[in-house]
């Protein structure tokens, strides 16, 4: 490791940011926030990992991205696959997807990553995990296909975090039930 890598690590205090994206009142579009909420309620989050519900905040998330060495985006990703299909992209494929295949907030995510690259705070690695949505309409419930795929997405997020070298231990059910409610996604069990 050279001096500039050491300096970069010191400037980026978050080793891994797991960022749920999407609008929870647009049906399947809210799956990213729901998946992150499930990860948080089921697992102990290790030091160096930050889980956040980024909603549809776009450029407002720049500080979070700038502080993270690596990022996992969790969102609905439109593909030609059947609804509920697990999607994993990384590298240049992420930029292509956020420009063309995310839901109504895709422009904000594309702008976010473009600005991060422009101001030289783009993470070392960005991975996009998600499910193919069935419907993105005004609704606070997800389609059956996406709901059935949500646990698979949660498992994929946990596996990806572990691949970065972080321990993700299951939260005992008794403790998980006593976790505070921080936002509407967690409140409504979405």
Protein backbone atom coordinates (compact mmCIF):
# COMPACT_ATOMS: atom_id res chain seq x y z
CA UNK A 1 0.00 0.00 0.00
CA UNK A 2 1.48 3.34 -0.98
CA UNK A 3 1.04 6.73 0.70
CA UNK A 4 -1.83 7.88 -1.50
CA UNK A 5 -3.82 4.68 -0.76
CA UNK A 6 -3.29 5.17 2.97
CA UNK A 7 -4.40 8.80 2.69
CA UNK A 8 -7.47 7.75 0.65
CA UNK A 9 -8.49 5.21 3.33
CA UNK A 10 -8.17 7.89 6.01
CA UNK A 11 -10.33 10.25 3.93
CA UNK A 12 -13.01 7.56 3.46
CA UNK A 13 -14.06 6.48 6.96
CA UNK A 14 -16.79 4.11 5.75
CA UNK A 15 -15.41 0.87 4.37
CA UNK A 16 -18.69 -0.22 2.80
CA UNK A 17 -21.93 1.68 2.23
CA UNK A 18 -25.05 -0.38 1.55
CA UNK A 19 -27.53 2.05 0.08
CA UNK A 20 -31.17 1.14 -0.47
CA UNK A 21 -32.73 3.19 -3.26
CA UNK A 22 -36.26 3.74 -4.47
CA UNK A 23 -39.62 5.21 -3.63
CA UNK A 24 -41.61 3.19 -1.07
CA UNK A 25 -44.93 4.56 -2.35
CA UNK A 26 -44.33 3.29 -5.89
CA UNK A 27 -44.81 -0.42 -5.26
CA UNK A 28 -41.84 -2.50 -6.39
CA UNK A 29 -39.66 0.60 -6.64
CA UNK A 30 -39.39 0.55 -2.84
CA UNK A 31 -37.68 -2.84 -2.75
CA UNK A 32 -34.20 -1.38 -2.13
CA UNK A 33 -35.27 0.34 1.07
CA UNK A 34 -37.20 -2.76 2.16
CA UNK A 35 -34.21 -5.04 1.59
CA UNK A 36 -31.86 -2.78 3.55
CA UNK A 37 -34.39 -2.60 6.40
CA UNK A 38 -34.59 -6.41 6.49
CA UNK A 39 -30.79 -6.71 6.54
CA UNK A 40 -30.62 -4.25 9.41
CA UNK A 41 -33.30 -6.06 11.41
CA UNK A 42 -31.87 -9.56 10.84
CA UNK A 43 -28.11 -9.00 11.17
CA UNK A 44 -25.60 -7.28 13.39
CA UNK A 45 -24.00 -4.59 11.26
CA UNK A 46 -20.21 -4.66 11.70
CA UNK A 47 -18.01 -1.66 12.24
CA UNK A 48 -16.98 -0.17 8.92
CA UNK A 49 -20.32 -0.98 7.25
CA UNK A 50 -23.05 1.65 6.97
CA UNK A 51 -26.61 0.79 5.91
CA UNK A 52 -28.81 3.62 4.68
CA UNK A 53 -32.20 4.14 3.07
CA UNK A 54 -31.32 6.61 0.35
CA UNK A 55 -34.85 6.79 -1.03
CA UNK A 56 -34.89 9.01 -4.11
CA UNK A 57 -32.51 11.64 -2.79
CA UNK A 58 -30.10 11.59 -5.75
CA UNK A 59 -27.35 14.19 -5.38
CA UNK A 60 -28.20 14.66 -1.70
CA UNK A 61 -26.47 11.30 -1.17
CA UNK A 62 -23.12 12.59 -2.45
CA UNK A 63 -21.59 12.98 1.03
CA UNK A 64 -22.38 9.34 1.82
CA UNK A 65 -20.84 8.17 -1.44
CA UNK A 66 -17.79 10.38 -0.90
CA UNK A 67 -17.16 8.86 2.54
CA UNK A 68 -17.33 5.24 1.34
CA UNK A 69 -14.52 3.17 -0.14
CA UNK A 70 -17.00 0.67 -1.59
CA UNK A 71 -20.74 0.87 -2.27
CA UNK A 72 -23.54 -1.63 -2.76
CA UNK A 73 -26.62 -0.04 -4.32
CA UNK A 74 -29.87 -1.96 -3.75
CA UNK A 75 -32.71 -1.10 -6.10
CA UNK A 76 -35.31 -2.24 -8.61
CA UNK A 77 -33.58 -2.92 -11.94
CA UNK A 78 -35.59 -3.25 -15.13
CA UNK A 79 -34.38 -6.13 -17.28
CA UNK A 80 -36.02 -8.46 -19.76
CA UNK A 81 -36.17 -11.09 -17.01
CA UNK A 82 -39.34 -12.15 -15.19
CA UNK A 83 -40.40 -10.02 -12.20
CA UNK A 84 -38.61 -10.96 -9.00
CA UNK A 85 -35.42 -12.10 -10.77
CA UNK A 86 -32.24 -11.33 -8.82
CA UNK A 87 -29.90 -8.89 -10.61
CA UNK A 88 -26.22 -8.29 -9.80
CA UNK A 89 -24.10 -5.80 -11.73
CA UNK A 90 -20.73 -4.20 -11.11
CA UNK A 91 -18.14 -2.11 -12.88
CA UNK A 92 -19.26 -0.28 -16.02
CA UNK A 93 -22.50 -2.29 -16.06
CA UNK A 94 -23.68 -0.31 -13.02
CA UNK A 95 -23.41 3.01 -14.86
CA UNK A 96 -25.25 1.59 -17.86
CA UNK A 97 -28.03 0.30 -15.59
CA UNK A 98 -28.47 3.50 -13.59
CA UNK A 99 -28.80 5.46 -16.82
CA UNK A 100 -31.22 3.12 -18.54
CA UNK A 101 -32.78 0.49 -16.31
CA UNK A 102 -33.64 1.87 -12.90
CA UNK A 103 -36.99 3.32 -12.06
CA UNK A 104 -38.18 6.96 -12.09
CA UNK A 105 -35.28 8.12 -9.88
CA UNK A 106 -32.61 6.74 -12.25
CA UNK A 107 -31.52 10.19 -13.39
CA UNK A 108 -30.69 11.14 -9.80
CA UNK A 109 -28.59 7.99 -9.29
CA UNK A 110 -26.79 8.46 -12.61
CA UNK A 111 -26.07 12.09 -11.74
CA UNK A 112 -24.87 11.06 -8.27
CA UNK A 113 -22.33 8.61 -9.64
CA UNK A 114 -21.24 10.97 -12.44
CA UNK A 115 -20.60 13.80 -9.97
CA UNK A 116 -18.73 11.45 -7.62
CA UNK A 117 -16.46 10.51 -10.52
CA UNK A 118 -16.11 14.16 -11.61
CA UNK A 119 -14.98 15.36 -8.16
CA UNK A 120 -12.73 12.32 -7.67
CA UNK A 121 -14.62 10.66 -4.84
CA UNK A 122 -16.00 7.69 -6.78
CA UNK A 123 -15.80 4.54 -4.66
CA UNK A 124 -13.22 1.87 -5.43
CA UNK A 125 -16.03 -0.56 -6.27
CA UNK A 126 -19.75 -0.07 -6.90
CA UNK A 127 -22.08 -3.06 -7.08
CA UNK A 128 -25.78 -2.95 -7.90
CA UNK A 129 -28.02 -5.62 -6.43
CA UNK A 130 -31.73 -5.73 -7.03
CA UNK A 131 -34.78 -7.47 -8.35
CA UNK A 132 -36.65 -7.03 -11.60
CA UNK A 133 -39.84 -5.11 -10.74
CA UNK A 134 -43.28 -6.14 -11.90
CA UNK A 135 -44.97 -2.82 -11.36
CA UNK A 136 -43.91 0.68 -10.44
CA UNK A 137 -47.23 2.33 -9.73
CA UNK A 138 -48.63 4.25 -6.80
CA UNK A 139 -48.86 1.62 -4.05
CA UNK A 140 -47.34 0.91 -0.65
CA UNK A 141 -47.22 -2.84 -1.27
CA UNK A 142 -44.92 -4.77 -3.53
CA UNK A 143 -45.97 -7.29 -6.16
CA UNK A 144 -46.08 -10.95 -5.19
CA UNK A 145 -43.11 -11.74 -7.46
CA UNK A 146 -40.91 -9.09 -5.81
CA UNK A 147 -42.12 -9.94 -2.32
CA UNK A 148 -41.22 -13.59 -2.95
CA UNK A 149 -37.73 -12.58 -4.17
CA UNK A 150 -36.96 -10.20 -1.32
CA UNK A 151 -35.34 -12.81 0.95
CA UNK A 152 -33.09 -13.89 -1.92
CA UNK A 153 -32.06 -10.24 -2.36
CA UNK A 154 -31.37 -9.89 1.38
CA UNK A 155 -29.19 -13.03 1.20
CA UNK A 156 -27.35 -11.58 -1.82
CA UNK A 157 -26.68 -8.31 0.04
CA UNK A 158 -25.34 -10.22 3.06
CA UNK A 159 -23.15 -12.41 0.80
CA UNK A 160 -21.79 -9.33 -0.95
CA UNK A 161 -20.97 -7.65 2.38
CA UNK A 162 -19.19 -10.83 3.49
CA UNK A 163 -17.25 -10.90 0.20
CA UNK A 164 -15.81 -7.52 1.20
CA UNK A 165 -14.45 -9.22 4.35
CA UNK A 166 -17.06 -8.15 6.90
CA UNK A 167 -18.73 -10.55 9.33
CA UNK A 168 -22.51 -10.50 9.16
CA UNK A 169 -23.88 -12.44 12.12
CA UNK A 170 -27.59 -13.12 12.41
CA UNK A 171 -29.36 -11.01 15.01
CA UNK A 172 -31.05 -13.14 17.67
CA UNK A 173 -34.83 -12.91 17.25
CA UNK A 174 -35.35 -11.57 20.76
CA UNK A 175 -33.00 -8.67 20.15
CA UNK A 176 -34.28 -8.03 16.62
CA UNK A 177 -37.81 -7.55 17.94
CA UNK A 178 -36.65 -4.75 20.24
CA UNK A 179 -34.92 -2.68 17.58
CA UNK A 180 -36.24 0.88 17.32
CA UNK A 181 -38.27 2.04 14.33
CA UNK A 182 -36.39 4.74 12.42
CA UNK A 183 -38.54 5.39 9.42
CA UNK A 184 -41.75 4.47 7.64
CA UNK A 185 -40.22 1.54 5.78
CA UNK A 186 -39.36 -0.17 9.03
CA UNK A 187 -42.60 0.93 10.66
CA UNK A 188 -44.76 -0.67 8.01
CA UNK A 189 -42.54 -3.78 7.80
CA UNK A 190 -41.77 -3.12 4.18
